[in-house]
Amino acid sequence: MRDILSMLLSGLLVGIAARFLYPGAVEIGLARTIALGIGGALVAGLASSLAGRGSVSEGFNRAGCLASVLGAMLLIYLGRHFW
């Protein structure tokens, strides 16, 4: 149960950071912000594993958080230009 709550909280924080840093207004609700943050982490993890740097580590990692925010910003960009 604690893992699910920490995933939702980190997804929320990453989603909020991505929405704040993305130029222009991003009008989405709380659930989509959480999904955006979780999706950004998945995109960052996929990019890391494709680049050959894919080691899974637990705990807080600043580089991982930054990569998750960039992944979430990429999802915002793709959502705006292709859907």
C-alpha atoms as a PDB file:
ATOM      1  CA  MET A   1       0.000   0.000   0.000  1.00  0.00           C
ATOM      2  CA  ARG A   2       2.857   2.371   0.835  1.00  0.00           C
ATOM      3  CA  ASP A   3       4.435   1.765  -2.580  1.00  0.00           C
ATOM      4  CA  ILE A   4       1.239   2.800  -4.345  1.00  0.00           C
ATOM      5  CA  LEU A   5       0.951   5.970  -2.277  1.00  0.00           C
ATOM      6  CA  SER A   6       4.582   6.903  -2.911  1.00  0.00           C
ATOM      7  CA  MET A   7       4.101   6.275  -6.652  1.00  0.00           C
ATOM      8  CA  LEU A   8       1.044   8.551  -6.688  1.00  0.00           C
ATOM      9  CA  LEU A   9       2.805  11.251  -4.681  1.00  0.00           C
ATOM     10  CA  SER A  10       5.939  11.196  -6.829  1.00  0.00           C
ATOM     11  CA  GLY A  11       3.768  11.174  -9.965  1.00  0.00           C
ATOM     12  CA  LEU A  12       1.943  14.222  -8.661  1.00  0.00           C
ATOM     13  CA  LEU A  13       5.172  16.088  -7.887  1.00  0.00           C
ATOM     14  CA  VAL A  14       6.758  15.235 -11.255  1.00  0.00           C
ATOM     15  CA  GLY A  15       3.540  16.159 -13.076  1.00  0.00           C
ATOM     16  CA  ILE A  16       3.292  19.505 -11.299  1.00  0.00           C
ATOM     17  CA  ALA A  17       6.944  20.274 -12.055  1.00  0.00           C
ATOM     18  CA  ALA A  18       6.469  19.399 -15.734  1.00  0.00           C
ATOM     19  CA  ARG A  19       3.338  21.536 -15.994  1.00  0.00           C
ATOM     20  CA  PHE A  20       5.124  24.454 -14.298  1.00  0.00           C
ATOM     21  CA  LEU A  21       8.211  24.259 -16.523  1.00  0.00           C
ATOM     22  CA  TYR A  22       6.385  23.675 -19.811  1.00  0.00           C
ATOM     23  CA  PRO A  23       5.832  26.940 -21.713  1.00  0.00           C
ATOM     24  CA  GLY A  24       2.190  27.908 -21.902  1.00  0.00           C
ATOM     25  CA  ALA A  25      -0.779  26.801 -19.876  1.00  0.00           C
ATOM     26  CA  VAL A  26      -1.357  23.083 -19.414  1.00  0.00           C
ATOM     27  CA  GLU A  27      -5.006  22.680 -18.458  1.00  0.00           C
ATOM     28  CA  ILE A  28      -5.398  19.207 -16.952  1.00  0.00           C
ATOM     29  CA  GLY A  29      -6.864  17.949 -13.714  1.00  0.00           C
ATOM     30  CA  LEU A  30      -5.311  16.241 -10.726  1.00  0.00           C
ATOM     31  CA  ALA A  31      -5.693  12.668 -12.010  1.00  0.00           C
ATOM     32  CA  ARG A  32      -4.132  13.532 -15.348  1.00  0.00           C
ATOM     33  CA  THR A  33      -1.300  15.379 -13.601  1.00  0.00           C
ATOM     34  CA  ILE A  34      -0.511  12.220 -11.618  1.00  0.00           C
ATOM     35  CA  ALA A  35      -0.752  10.101 -14.778  1.00  0.00           C
ATOM     36  CA  LEU A  36       1.522  12.572 -16.559  1.00  0.00           C
ATOM     37  CA  GLY A  37       4.160  12.265 -13.843  1.00  0.00           C
ATOM     38  CA  ILE A  38       4.005   8.466 -13.819  1.00  0.00           C
ATOM     39  CA  GLY A  39       4.120   8.401 -17.617  1.00  0.00           C
ATOM     40  CA  GLY A  40       7.122  10.722 -17.590  1.00  0.00           C
ATOM     41  CA  ALA A  41       8.944   8.340 -15.276  1.00  0.00           C
ATOM     42  CA  LEU A  42       8.121   5.440 -17.595  1.00  0.00           C
ATOM     43  CA  VAL A  43       9.389   7.365 -20.634  1.00  0.00           C
ATOM     44  CA  ALA A  44      12.606   8.247 -18.776  1.00  0.00           C
ATOM     45  CA  GLY A  45      13.108   4.637 -17.720  1.00  0.00           C
ATOM     46  CA  LEU A  46      12.526   3.385 -21.266  1.00  0.00           C
ATOM     47  CA  ALA A  47      14.979   5.926 -22.689  1.00  0.00           C
ATOM     48  CA  SER A  48      17.546   4.963 -20.084  1.00  0.00           C
ATOM     49  CA  SER A  49      17.248   1.255 -20.813  1.00  0.00           C
ATOM     50  CA  LEU A  50      17.448   1.843 -24.576  1.00  0.00           C
ATOM     51  CA  ALA A  51      20.601   3.901 -24.064  1.00  0.00           C
ATOM     52  CA  GLY A  52      22.182   1.026 -22.157  1.00  0.00           C
ATOM     53  CA  ARG A  53      22.176   2.784 -18.806  1.00  0.00           C
ATOM     54  CA  GLY A  54      19.192   0.895 -17.423  1.00  0.00           C
ATOM     55  CA  SER A  55      19.955  -0.035 -13.872  1.00  0.00           C
ATOM     56  CA  VAL A  56      16.977  -0.041 -11.555  1.00  0.00           C
ATOM     57  CA  SER A  57      17.688   1.565  -8.229  1.00  0.00           C
ATOM     58  CA  GLU A  58      15.327   2.366  -5.419  1.00  0.00           C
ATOM     59  CA  GLY A  59      15.110   5.586  -3.526  1.00  0.00           C
ATOM     60  CA  PHE A  60      15.390   9.234  -4.436  1.00  0.00           C
ATOM     61  CA  ASN A  61      17.685  10.104  -7.311  1.00  0.00           C
ATOM     62  CA  ARG A  62      17.993  13.686  -8.571  1.00  0.00           C
ATOM     63  CA  ALA A  63      18.975  12.638 -12.083  1.00  0.00           C
ATOM     64  CA  GLY A  64      16.021  10.268 -12.230  1.00  0.00           C
ATOM     65  CA  CYS A  65      13.643  12.993 -11.086  1.00  0.00           C
ATOM     66  CA  LEU A  66      14.972  15.405 -13.699  1.00  0.00           C
ATOM     67  CA  ALA A  67      14.666  12.740 -16.388  1.00  0.00           C
ATOM     68  CA  SER A  68      11.089  12.035 -15.260  1.00  0.00           C
ATOM     69  CA  VAL A  69      10.177  15.725 -15.523  1.00  0.00           C
ATOM     70  CA  LEU A  70      11.730  15.901 -19.005  1.00  0.00           C
ATOM     71  CA  GLY A  71       9.834  12.743 -19.983  1.00  0.00           C
ATOM     72  CA  ALA A  72       6.586  14.288 -18.752  1.00  0.00           C
ATOM     73  CA  MET A  73       7.320  17.471 -20.711  1.00  0.00           C
ATOM     74  CA  LEU A  74       7.875  15.309 -23.793  1.00  0.00           C
ATOM     75  CA  LEU A  75       4.467  13.733 -23.223  1.00  0.00           C
ATOM     76  CA  ILE A  76       2.869  17.198 -22.992  1.00  0.00           C
ATOM     77  CA  TYR A  77       4.561  18.171 -26.261  1.00  0.00           C
ATOM     78  CA  LEU A  78       3.443  14.997 -28.021  1.00  0.00           C
ATOM     79  CA  GLY A  79      -0.078  15.392 -26.666  1.00  0.00           C
ATOM     80  CA  ARG A  80      -0.355  18.943 -27.923  1.00  0.00           C
ATOM     81  CA  HIS A  81       1.042  18.341 -31.376  1.00  0.00           C
ATOM     82  CA  PHE A  82      -0.307  14.922 -32.283  1.00  0.00           C
ATOM     83  CA  TRP A  83      -3.675  14.602 -30.499  1.00  0.00           C
END
